[in-house]
Amino acid sequence: MDRIEDNIIELLEYLEELIETSPKVPITGKTIIDKKEFLEVIDQIVNTLPDQLKKAEWVMSEKDRILKDAQKEYDSIRKETLEIMKKNVENHDIVKEAKARANEIIALAQRDAKAIRLGSREYSTEILSQIDKEIEEKRAMLIKGMQEAFETAAKEIDKNLSNTGSKIKENISELREM
């Protein structure tokens, strides 16, 4: 999981470097970026995120498996305890002792099962929350970066159109003066 996170972080750092090292438009402080390269890196990030989601699903399935194993262990211990109790029914003191031991084992098994269930829920909730937070952060960063790139491109187009309009007006004035 750390490797995937590192890969996403590296890709985001590469996007940042791409923006910082791209040619600057004089006076405006704007940057010209290679749209194709920028979109390819975003596509790599988007393709990497489903792997993290698969890992979260694996955590959830592991939780279910652990709970099933704990339930099987509980059932096995309970069955074993019942068999011991049946064998010792003839002797009253032994039956009392077996019941006490059985209750002890059942209580331990239930406590262990509960602890495992709670631990796996907390762990899976923590992992899913962390992944959700990271996805939201990365999404916000991508949207912000894309908005800035689109704004830069729109302003550049507006500037070019304004310059072209001014030149056309100058040419029309010159033609009228002739």
N, C-alpha and C. Protein backbone atom coordinates (compact mmCIF):
# COMPACT_ATOMS: atom_id res chain seq x y z
N MET A 1 0.83 -1.18 0.00
CA MET A 1 0.00 0.00 0.00
C MET A 1 0.88 1.25 0.00
N ASP A 2 1.97 1.22 0.76
CA ASP A 2 2.87 2.37 0.79
C ASP A 2 3.47 2.63 -0.58
N ARG A 3 3.75 1.54 -1.32
CA ARG A 3 4.34 1.70 -2.65
C ARG A 3 3.37 2.42 -3.58
N ILE A 4 2.08 2.09 -3.50
CA ILE A 4 1.08 2.74 -4.34
C ILE A 4 0.94 4.20 -3.94
N GLU A 5 0.89 4.44 -2.62
CA GLU A 5 0.80 5.82 -2.15
C GLU A 5 2.02 6.61 -2.62
N ASP A 6 3.20 5.99 -2.53
CA ASP A 6 4.42 6.66 -2.98
C ASP A 6 4.33 6.96 -4.47
N ASN A 7 3.79 6.01 -5.25
CA ASN A 7 3.67 6.20 -6.68
C ASN A 7 2.74 7.37 -6.98
N ILE A 8 1.61 7.45 -6.29
CA ILE A 8 0.68 8.56 -6.52
C ILE A 8 1.34 9.87 -6.12
N ILE A 9 2.03 9.86 -4.99
CA ILE A 9 2.71 11.08 -4.53
C ILE A 9 3.77 11.49 -5.55
N GLU A 10 4.52 10.52 -6.07
CA GLU A 10 5.54 10.83 -7.08
C GLU A 10 4.90 11.45 -8.32
N LEU A 11 3.75 10.90 -8.74
CA LEU A 11 3.07 11.43 -9.92
C LEU A 11 2.58 12.86 -9.66
N LEU A 12 2.05 13.11 -8.47
CA LEU A 12 1.59 14.46 -8.14
C LEU A 12 2.77 15.43 -8.07
N GLU A 13 3.89 14.96 -7.51
CA GLU A 13 5.09 15.81 -7.45
C GLU A 13 5.60 16.09 -8.86
N TYR A 14 5.48 15.08 -9.75
CA TYR A 14 5.90 15.28 -11.14
C TYR A 14 5.02 16.35 -11.80
N LEU A 15 3.71 16.31 -11.53
CA LEU A 15 2.81 17.34 -12.08
C LEU A 15 3.23 18.72 -11.58
N GLU A 16 3.55 18.80 -10.30
CA GLU A 16 3.97 20.07 -9.72
C GLU A 16 5.26 20.55 -10.40
N GLU A 17 6.20 19.62 -10.58
CA GLU A 17 7.47 19.96 -11.23
C GLU A 17 7.23 20.38 -12.68
N LEU A 18 6.31 19.69 -13.36
CA LEU A 18 5.97 20.02 -14.74
C LEU A 18 5.46 21.46 -14.84
N ILE A 19 4.62 21.83 -13.90
CA ILE A 19 4.08 23.19 -13.91
C ILE A 19 5.18 24.21 -13.59
N GLU A 20 6.01 23.88 -12.60
CA GLU A 20 7.05 24.81 -12.17
C GLU A 20 8.14 24.99 -13.22
N THR A 21 8.43 23.95 -14.00
CA THR A 21 9.52 24.03 -14.98
C THR A 21 9.05 24.36 -16.39
N SER A 22 7.75 24.49 -16.58
CA SER A 22 7.22 24.83 -17.90
C SER A 22 7.55 26.28 -18.23
N PRO A 23 7.58 26.58 -19.53
CA PRO A 23 7.89 27.97 -19.92
C PRO A 23 6.86 28.95 -19.37
N LYS A 24 7.33 30.11 -18.99
CA LYS A 24 6.49 31.15 -18.40
C LYS A 24 6.11 32.17 -19.48
N VAL A 25 4.91 32.71 -19.36
CA VAL A 25 4.46 33.79 -20.24
C VAL A 25 4.90 35.09 -19.58
N PRO A 26 5.69 35.89 -20.27
CA PRO A 26 6.20 37.12 -19.66
C PRO A 26 5.07 38.01 -19.12
N ILE A 27 5.36 38.67 -18.06
CA ILE A 27 4.52 39.68 -17.39
C ILE A 27 3.32 39.05 -16.69
N THR A 28 2.67 38.06 -17.25
CA THR A 28 1.43 37.50 -16.69
C THR A 28 1.68 36.56 -15.53
N GLY A 29 2.85 35.99 -15.47
CA GLY A 29 3.13 35.00 -14.42
C GLY A 29 2.46 33.65 -14.73
N LYS A 30 1.92 33.49 -15.89
CA LYS A 30 1.24 32.24 -16.29
C LYS A 30 2.26 31.27 -16.87
N THR A 31 1.86 30.01 -16.90
CA THR A 31 2.74 28.94 -17.37
C THR A 31 2.07 28.21 -18.52
N ILE A 32 2.84 27.83 -19.50
CA ILE A 32 2.34 27.03 -20.61
C ILE A 32 2.73 25.58 -20.33
N ILE A 33 1.72 24.69 -20.28
CA ILE A 33 2.01 23.29 -19.98
C ILE A 33 1.67 22.42 -21.18
N ASP A 34 2.31 21.26 -21.23
CA ASP A 34 2.03 20.27 -22.26
C ASP A 34 0.78 19.50 -21.84
N LYS A 35 -0.33 19.82 -22.48
CA LYS A 35 -1.63 19.24 -22.10
C LYS A 35 -1.59 17.72 -22.18
N LYS A 36 -1.01 17.17 -23.22
CA LYS A 36 -0.98 15.71 -23.40
C LYS A 36 -0.23 15.05 -22.25
N GLU A 37 0.94 15.57 -21.92
CA GLU A 37 1.74 15.00 -20.83
C GLU A 37 1.01 15.13 -19.49
N PHE A 38 0.41 16.28 -19.27
CA PHE A 38 -0.33 16.53 -18.01
C PHE A 38 -1.49 15.54 -17.87
N LEU A 39 -2.24 15.34 -18.94
CA LEU A 39 -3.38 14.41 -18.90
C LEU A 39 -2.93 12.95 -18.76
N GLU A 40 -1.78 12.60 -19.33
CA GLU A 40 -1.26 11.24 -19.17
C GLU A 40 -0.94 10.95 -17.70
N VAL A 41 -0.35 11.90 -17.02
CA VAL A 41 -0.02 11.71 -15.60
C VAL A 41 -1.29 11.61 -14.77
N ILE A 42 -2.28 12.42 -15.06
CA ILE A 42 -3.57 12.34 -14.36
C ILE A 42 -4.19 10.96 -14.59
N ASP A 43 -4.12 10.48 -15.82
CA ASP A 43 -4.66 9.15 -16.15
C ASP A 43 -3.94 8.06 -15.35
N GLN A 44 -2.64 8.16 -15.17
CA GLN A 44 -1.89 7.19 -14.36
C GLN A 44 -2.37 7.22 -12.91
N ILE A 45 -2.62 8.40 -12.40
CA ILE A 45 -3.10 8.51 -11.02
C ILE A 45 -4.47 7.86 -10.89
N VAL A 46 -5.36 8.16 -11.81
CA VAL A 46 -6.71 7.58 -11.78
C VAL A 46 -6.66 6.07 -11.88
N ASN A 47 -5.75 5.54 -12.68
CA ASN A 47 -5.64 4.08 -12.83
C ASN A 47 -5.03 3.41 -11.60
N THR A 48 -4.28 4.15 -10.82
CA THR A 48 -3.65 3.59 -9.61
C THR A 48 -4.63 3.52 -8.45
N LEU A 49 -5.56 4.44 -8.36
CA LEU A 49 -6.49 4.50 -7.23
C LEU A 49 -7.34 3.24 -7.07
N PRO A 50 -7.82 2.60 -8.15
CA PRO A 50 -8.62 1.38 -7.93
C PRO A 50 -7.87 0.28 -7.17
N ASP A 51 -6.55 0.23 -7.28
CA ASP A 51 -5.78 -0.76 -6.52
C ASP A 51 -5.97 -0.55 -5.02
N GLN A 52 -5.99 0.68 -4.58
CA GLN A 52 -6.18 0.95 -3.16
C GLN A 52 -7.58 0.54 -2.73
N LEU A 53 -8.53 0.74 -3.60
CA LEU A 53 -9.90 0.34 -3.28
C LEU A 53 -10.00 -1.18 -3.17
N LYS A 54 -9.28 -1.90 -4.04
CA LYS A 54 -9.27 -3.37 -3.96
C LYS A 54 -8.66 -3.82 -2.63
N LYS A 55 -7.64 -3.13 -2.19
CA LYS A 55 -7.02 -3.49 -0.91
C LYS A 55 -7.99 -3.26 0.24
N ALA A 56 -8.78 -2.21 0.16
CA ALA A 56 -9.78 -1.96 1.20
C ALA A 56 -10.83 -3.08 1.20
N GLU A 57 -11.22 -3.54 0.01
CA GLU A 57 -12.17 -4.65 -0.07
C GLU A 57 -11.55 -5.92 0.52
N TRP A 58 -10.25 -6.12 0.30
CA TRP A 58 -9.58 -7.29 0.86
C TRP A 58 -9.62 -7.22 2.39
N VAL A 59 -9.40 -6.03 2.94
CA VAL A 59 -9.44 -5.87 4.40
C VAL A 59 -10.81 -6.27 4.91
N MET A 60 -11.84 -5.86 4.21
CA MET A 60 -13.21 -6.20 4.64
C MET A 60 -13.44 -7.72 4.56
N SER A 61 -12.95 -8.36 3.50
CA SER A 61 -13.14 -9.82 3.40
C SER A 61 -12.32 -10.55 4.46
N GLU A 62 -11.15 -10.03 4.79
CA GLU A 62 -10.34 -10.63 5.86
C GLU A 62 -11.07 -10.52 7.20
N LYS A 63 -11.72 -9.41 7.42
CA LYS A 63 -12.48 -9.22 8.65
C LYS A 63 -13.55 -10.30 8.75
N ASP A 64 -14.27 -10.53 7.64
CA ASP A 64 -15.32 -11.56 7.64
C ASP A 64 -14.72 -12.94 7.89
N ARG A 65 -13.58 -13.22 7.29
CA ARG A 65 -12.94 -14.52 7.48
C ARG A 65 -12.54 -14.71 8.94
N ILE A 66 -11.98 -13.69 9.54
CA ILE A 66 -11.55 -13.77 10.94
C ILE A 66 -12.75 -14.02 11.84
N LEU A 67 -13.84 -13.32 11.55
CA LEU A 67 -15.05 -13.51 12.36
C LEU A 67 -15.59 -14.93 12.20
N LYS A 68 -15.56 -15.45 10.99
CA LYS A 68 -16.03 -16.83 10.76
C LYS A 68 -15.14 -17.83 11.49
N ASP A 69 -13.83 -17.61 11.44
CA ASP A 69 -12.91 -18.50 12.15
C ASP A 69 -13.15 -18.46 13.65
N ALA A 70 -13.38 -17.28 14.18
CA ALA A 70 -13.65 -17.15 15.61
C ALA A 70 -14.95 -17.86 15.98
N GLN A 71 -15.96 -17.75 15.12
CA GLN A 71 -17.23 -18.42 15.37
C GLN A 71 -17.04 -19.94 15.33
N LYS A 72 -16.23 -20.43 14.37
CA LYS A 72 -15.96 -21.87 14.29
C LYS A 72 -15.25 -22.35 15.55
N GLU A 73 -14.28 -21.57 16.00
CA GLU A 73 -13.55 -21.94 17.21
C GLU A 73 -14.50 -21.97 18.41
N TYR A 74 -15.34 -20.98 18.47
CA TYR A 74 -16.33 -20.93 19.55
C TYR A 74 -17.24 -22.16 19.50
N ASP A 75 -17.74 -22.48 18.30
CA ASP A 75 -18.62 -23.64 18.15
C ASP A 75 -17.90 -24.94 18.51
N SER A 76 -16.65 -25.05 18.10
CA SER A 76 -15.86 -26.25 18.39
C SER A 76 -15.64 -26.41 19.90
N ILE A 77 -15.26 -25.32 20.54
CA ILE A 77 -15.04 -25.37 21.99
C ILE A 77 -16.34 -25.69 22.72
N ARG A 78 -17.42 -25.11 22.26
CA ARG A 78 -18.72 -25.36 22.89
C ARG A 78 -19.13 -26.82 22.73
N LYS A 79 -18.92 -27.35 21.52
CA LYS A 79 -19.28 -28.76 21.26
C LYS A 79 -18.43 -29.68 22.13
N GLU A 80 -17.13 -29.38 22.20
CA GLU A 80 -16.22 -30.18 23.02
C GLU A 80 -16.64 -30.15 24.49
N THR A 81 -17.01 -28.98 24.94
CA THR A 81 -17.44 -28.82 26.33
C THR A 81 -18.72 -29.62 26.60
N LEU A 82 -19.66 -29.59 25.67
CA LEU A 82 -20.89 -30.36 25.84
C LEU A 82 -20.63 -31.86 25.90
N GLU A 83 -19.70 -32.32 25.10
CA GLU A 83 -19.36 -33.75 25.12
C GLU A 83 -18.74 -34.14 26.46
N ILE A 84 -17.88 -33.30 26.96
CA ILE A 84 -17.27 -33.57 28.28
C ILE A 84 -18.34 -33.59 29.35
N MET A 85 -19.25 -32.68 29.28
CA MET A 85 -20.33 -32.62 30.28
C MET A 85 -21.20 -33.88 30.23
N LYS A 86 -21.51 -34.37 29.05
CA LYS A 86 -22.35 -35.57 28.92
C LYS A 86 -21.66 -36.79 29.52
N LYS A 87 -20.35 -36.88 29.34
CA LYS A 87 -19.60 -38.03 29.85
C LYS A 87 -19.55 -38.04 31.38
N ASN A 88 -19.59 -36.86 31.96
CA ASN A 88 -19.43 -36.76 33.41
C ASN A 88 -20.73 -36.52 34.17
N VAL A 89 -21.86 -36.76 33.54
CA VAL A 89 -23.15 -36.54 34.19
C VAL A 89 -23.32 -37.41 35.43
N GLU A 90 -22.74 -38.59 35.44
CA GLU A 90 -22.91 -39.50 36.57
C GLU A 90 -22.38 -38.93 37.88
N ASN A 91 -21.32 -38.21 37.81
CA ASN A 91 -20.71 -37.65 39.01
C ASN A 91 -21.09 -36.17 39.10
N HIS A 92 -21.85 -35.81 40.08
CA HIS A 92 -22.40 -34.47 40.22
C HIS A 92 -21.31 -33.40 40.35
N ASP A 93 -20.28 -33.63 41.14
CA ASP A 93 -19.20 -32.64 41.31
C ASP A 93 -18.47 -32.41 39.99
N ILE A 94 -18.27 -33.48 39.26
CA ILE A 94 -17.58 -33.35 37.97
C ILE A 94 -18.45 -32.56 37.00
N VAL A 95 -19.74 -32.78 37.03
CA VAL A 95 -20.66 -32.05 36.15
C VAL A 95 -20.60 -30.56 36.47
N LYS A 96 -20.62 -30.23 37.78
CA LYS A 96 -20.53 -28.82 38.18
C LYS A 96 -19.23 -28.20 37.68
N GLU A 97 -18.16 -28.94 37.85
CA GLU A 97 -16.85 -28.43 37.41
C GLU A 97 -16.82 -28.26 35.90
N ALA A 98 -17.39 -29.22 35.18
CA ALA A 98 -17.41 -29.15 33.72
C ALA A 98 -18.25 -27.97 33.25
N LYS A 99 -19.38 -27.75 33.90
CA LYS A 99 -20.22 -26.61 33.52
C LYS A 99 -19.48 -25.31 33.75
N ALA A 100 -18.82 -25.23 34.87
CA ALA A 100 -18.06 -24.01 35.17
C ALA A 100 -16.96 -23.79 34.14
N ARG A 101 -16.26 -24.87 33.82
CA ARG A 101 -15.18 -24.77 32.83
C ARG A 101 -15.74 -24.42 31.46
N ALA A 102 -16.88 -25.03 31.13
CA ALA A 102 -17.51 -24.75 29.84
C ALA A 102 -17.91 -23.28 29.75
N ASN A 103 -18.50 -22.79 30.80
CA ASN A 103 -18.89 -21.38 30.81
C ASN A 103 -17.68 -20.47 30.71
N GLU A 104 -16.61 -20.87 31.36
CA GLU A 104 -15.36 -20.11 31.29
C GLU A 104 -14.83 -20.08 29.86
N ILE A 105 -14.81 -21.25 29.24
CA ILE A 105 -14.31 -21.35 27.86
C ILE A 105 -15.20 -20.55 26.92
N ILE A 106 -16.51 -20.66 27.09
CA ILE A 106 -17.44 -19.93 26.24
C ILE A 106 -17.26 -18.43 26.42
N ALA A 107 -17.12 -18.01 27.67
CA ALA A 107 -16.91 -16.58 27.93
C ALA A 107 -15.61 -16.09 27.29
N LEU A 108 -14.56 -16.90 27.40
CA LEU A 108 -13.29 -16.53 26.77
C LEU A 108 -13.43 -16.47 25.25
N ALA A 109 -14.08 -17.47 24.69
CA ALA A 109 -14.26 -17.51 23.24
C ALA A 109 -15.09 -16.32 22.77
N GLN A 110 -16.14 -16.00 23.50
CA GLN A 110 -16.98 -14.86 23.14
C GLN A 110 -16.21 -13.55 23.27
N ARG A 111 -15.43 -13.45 24.33
CA ARG A 111 -14.62 -12.24 24.52
C ARG A 111 -13.60 -12.10 23.38
N ASP A 112 -12.93 -13.23 23.06
CA ASP A 112 -11.95 -13.19 21.97
C ASP A 112 -12.62 -12.85 20.64
N ALA A 113 -13.78 -13.46 20.39
CA ALA A 113 -14.50 -13.18 19.15
C ALA A 113 -14.91 -11.72 19.08
N LYS A 114 -15.38 -11.19 20.20
CA LYS A 114 -15.78 -9.79 20.24
C LYS A 114 -14.58 -8.87 20.01
N ALA A 115 -13.46 -9.22 20.65
CA ALA A 115 -12.25 -8.40 20.49
C ALA A 115 -11.78 -8.42 19.04
N ILE A 116 -11.81 -9.59 18.44
CA ILE A 116 -11.39 -9.71 17.04
C ILE A 116 -12.35 -8.92 16.15
N ARG A 117 -13.63 -9.06 16.40
CA ARG A 117 -14.64 -8.37 15.60
C ARG A 117 -14.46 -6.85 15.73
N LEU A 118 -14.30 -6.36 16.95
CA LEU A 118 -14.12 -4.93 17.15
C LEU A 118 -12.82 -4.43 16.53
N GLY A 119 -11.77 -5.22 16.72
CA GLY A 119 -10.47 -4.82 16.16
C GLY A 119 -10.51 -4.76 14.64
N SER A 120 -11.13 -5.75 14.03
CA SER A 120 -11.18 -5.75 12.57
C SER A 120 -12.07 -4.63 12.04
N ARG A 121 -13.14 -4.33 12.76
CA ARG A 121 -14.01 -3.22 12.35
C ARG A 121 -13.26 -1.89 12.45
N GLU A 122 -12.59 -1.71 13.58
CA GLU A 122 -11.84 -0.46 13.76
C GLU A 122 -10.76 -0.32 12.70
N TYR A 123 -10.05 -1.42 12.45
CA TYR A 123 -8.97 -1.38 11.46
C TYR A 123 -9.53 -1.07 10.07
N SER A 124 -10.58 -1.78 9.68
CA SER A 124 -11.14 -1.56 8.33
C SER A 124 -11.73 -0.16 8.22
N THR A 125 -12.37 0.32 9.28
CA THR A 125 -12.92 1.67 9.26
C THR A 125 -11.80 2.69 9.14
N GLU A 126 -10.73 2.47 9.88
CA GLU A 126 -9.58 3.39 9.82
C GLU A 126 -8.98 3.41 8.42
N ILE A 127 -8.78 2.22 7.85
CA ILE A 127 -8.19 2.13 6.50
C ILE A 127 -9.09 2.81 5.48
N LEU A 128 -10.39 2.50 5.54
CA LEU A 128 -11.31 3.09 4.57
C LEU A 128 -11.40 4.60 4.74
N SER A 129 -11.38 5.07 5.97
CA SER A 129 -11.41 6.52 6.21
C SER A 129 -10.15 7.18 5.64
N GLN A 130 -9.04 6.52 5.88
CA GLN A 130 -7.77 7.07 5.38
C GLN A 130 -7.77 7.11 3.85
N ILE A 131 -8.23 6.05 3.24
CA ILE A 131 -8.27 6.00 1.77
C ILE A 131 -9.24 7.05 1.25
N ASP A 132 -10.40 7.18 1.89
CA ASP A 132 -11.38 8.18 1.46
C ASP A 132 -10.79 9.58 1.57
N LYS A 133 -10.10 9.85 2.67
CA LYS A 133 -9.49 11.16 2.87
C LYS A 133 -8.43 11.43 1.78
N GLU A 134 -7.60 10.42 1.52
CA GLU A 134 -6.56 10.58 0.51
C GLU A 134 -7.16 10.81 -0.87
N ILE A 135 -8.22 10.07 -1.18
CA ILE A 135 -8.86 10.23 -2.48
C ILE A 135 -9.42 11.65 -2.60
N GLU A 136 -10.09 12.13 -1.55
CA GLU A 136 -10.64 13.48 -1.57
C GLU A 136 -9.54 14.52 -1.74
N GLU A 137 -8.43 14.34 -1.02
CA GLU A 137 -7.32 15.30 -1.12
C GLU A 137 -6.75 15.30 -2.54
N LYS A 138 -6.53 14.12 -3.08
CA LYS A 138 -5.95 14.01 -4.42
C LYS A 138 -6.92 14.56 -5.46
N ARG A 139 -8.21 14.29 -5.28
CA ARG A 139 -9.22 14.78 -6.21
C ARG A 139 -9.24 16.30 -6.17
N ALA A 140 -9.20 16.87 -4.98
CA ALA A 140 -9.22 18.32 -4.85
C ALA A 140 -7.98 18.93 -5.50
N MET A 141 -6.83 18.29 -5.28
CA MET A 141 -5.59 18.79 -5.88
C MET A 141 -5.67 18.73 -7.41
N LEU A 142 -6.18 17.63 -7.92
CA LEU A 142 -6.29 17.48 -9.38
C LEU A 142 -7.25 18.51 -9.96
N ILE A 143 -8.39 18.68 -9.30
CA ILE A 143 -9.37 19.65 -9.80
C ILE A 143 -8.77 21.05 -9.77
N LYS A 144 -8.10 21.39 -8.67
CA LYS A 144 -7.50 22.71 -8.56
C LYS A 144 -6.45 22.92 -9.67
N GLY A 145 -5.61 21.91 -9.86
CA GLY A 145 -4.58 22.01 -10.89
C GLY A 145 -5.19 22.16 -12.28
N MET A 146 -6.24 21.38 -12.52
CA MET A 146 -6.90 21.45 -13.82
C MET A 146 -7.58 22.82 -14.00
N GLN A 147 -8.19 23.34 -12.95
CA GLN A 147 -8.84 24.65 -13.04
C GLN A 147 -7.80 25.73 -13.34
N GLU A 148 -6.67 25.66 -12.66
CA GLU A 148 -5.63 26.65 -12.89
C GLU A 148 -5.11 26.57 -14.33
N ALA A 149 -4.93 25.34 -14.81
CA ALA A 149 -4.46 25.16 -16.19
C ALA A 149 -5.49 25.69 -17.18
N PHE A 150 -6.76 25.41 -16.94
CA PHE A 150 -7.81 25.89 -17.83
C PHE A 150 -7.91 27.41 -17.79
N GLU A 151 -7.78 28.00 -16.60
CA GLU A 151 -7.83 29.46 -16.48
C GLU A 151 -6.67 30.09 -17.23
N THR A 152 -5.50 29.50 -17.09
CA THR A 152 -4.32 30.01 -17.78
C THR A 152 -4.54 29.97 -19.29
N ALA A 153 -5.04 28.85 -19.77
CA ALA A 153 -5.28 28.71 -21.21
C ALA A 153 -6.34 29.70 -21.68
N ALA A 154 -7.41 29.89 -20.91
CA ALA A 154 -8.48 30.82 -21.29
C ALA A 154 -7.95 32.25 -21.33
N LYS A 155 -7.15 32.62 -20.36
CA LYS A 155 -6.60 33.97 -20.33
C LYS A 155 -5.65 34.19 -21.51
N GLU A 156 -4.89 33.17 -21.84
CA GLU A 156 -3.95 33.28 -22.96
C GLU A 156 -4.72 33.44 -24.27
N ILE A 157 -5.80 32.69 -24.43
CA ILE A 157 -6.62 32.80 -25.64
C ILE A 157 -7.26 34.19 -25.69
N ASP A 158 -7.77 34.67 -24.55
CA ASP A 158 -8.39 36.00 -24.50
C ASP A 158 -7.37 37.07 -24.88
N LYS A 159 -6.17 36.94 -24.35
CA LYS A 159 -5.11 37.92 -24.64
C LYS A 159 -4.79 37.91 -26.13
N ASN A 160 -4.64 36.69 -26.68
CA ASN A 160 -4.32 36.58 -28.11
C ASN A 160 -5.44 37.17 -28.97
N LEU A 161 -6.68 36.91 -28.60
CA LEU A 161 -7.81 37.45 -29.36
C LEU A 161 -7.84 38.98 -29.25
N SER A 162 -7.55 39.51 -28.07
CA SER A 162 -7.52 40.97 -27.89
C SER A 162 -6.43 41.59 -28.74
N ASN A 163 -5.25 40.97 -28.75
CA ASN A 163 -4.14 41.48 -29.57
C ASN A 163 -4.49 41.43 -31.05
N THR A 164 -5.10 40.34 -31.46
CA THR A 164 -5.48 40.18 -32.87
C THR A 164 -6.54 41.22 -33.23
N GLY A 165 -7.51 41.46 -32.33
CA GLY A 165 -8.55 42.47 -32.57
C GLY A 165 -7.93 43.85 -32.71
N SER A 166 -6.97 44.15 -31.86
CA SER A 166 -6.30 45.47 -31.93
C SER A 166 -5.57 45.64 -33.26
N LYS A 167 -4.89 44.57 -33.69
CA LYS A 167 -4.15 44.65 -34.95
C LYS A 167 -5.11 44.84 -36.12
N ILE A 168 -6.25 44.17 -36.07
CA ILE A 168 -7.24 44.30 -37.15
C ILE A 168 -7.76 45.73 -37.19
N LYS A 169 -8.05 46.31 -36.03
CA LYS A 169 -8.53 47.69 -35.96
C LYS A 169 -7.48 48.65 -36.51
N GLU A 170 -6.20 48.41 -36.19
CA GLU A 170 -5.12 49.26 -36.71
C GLU A 170 -5.04 49.16 -38.23
N ASN A 171 -5.16 47.93 -38.73
CA ASN A 171 -5.11 47.73 -40.19
C ASN A 171 -6.28 48.42 -40.88
N ILE A 172 -7.47 48.35 -40.28
CA ILE A 172 -8.64 49.01 -40.86
C ILE A 172 -8.43 50.53 -40.88
N SER A 173 -7.88 51.06 -39.79
CA SER A 173 -7.60 52.51 -39.74
C SER A 173 -6.61 52.93 -40.83
N GLU A 174 -5.58 52.10 -41.02
CA GLU A 174 -4.58 52.41 -42.04
C GLU A 174 -5.20 52.36 -43.43
N LEU A 175 -6.09 51.39 -43.64
CA LEU A 175 -6.74 51.26 -44.95
C LEU A 175 -7.66 52.47 -45.20
N ARG A 176 -8.33 52.95 -44.20
CA ARG A 176 -9.21 54.10 -44.35
C ARG A 176 -8.42 55.37 -44.65
N GLU A 177 -7.24 55.48 -44.08
CA GLU A 177 -6.39 56.66 -44.29
C GLU A 177 -5.79 56.68 -45.68
N MET A 178 -5.73 55.58 -46.34
CA MET A 178 -5.11 55.51 -47.67
C MET A 178 -5.92 56.14 -48.73
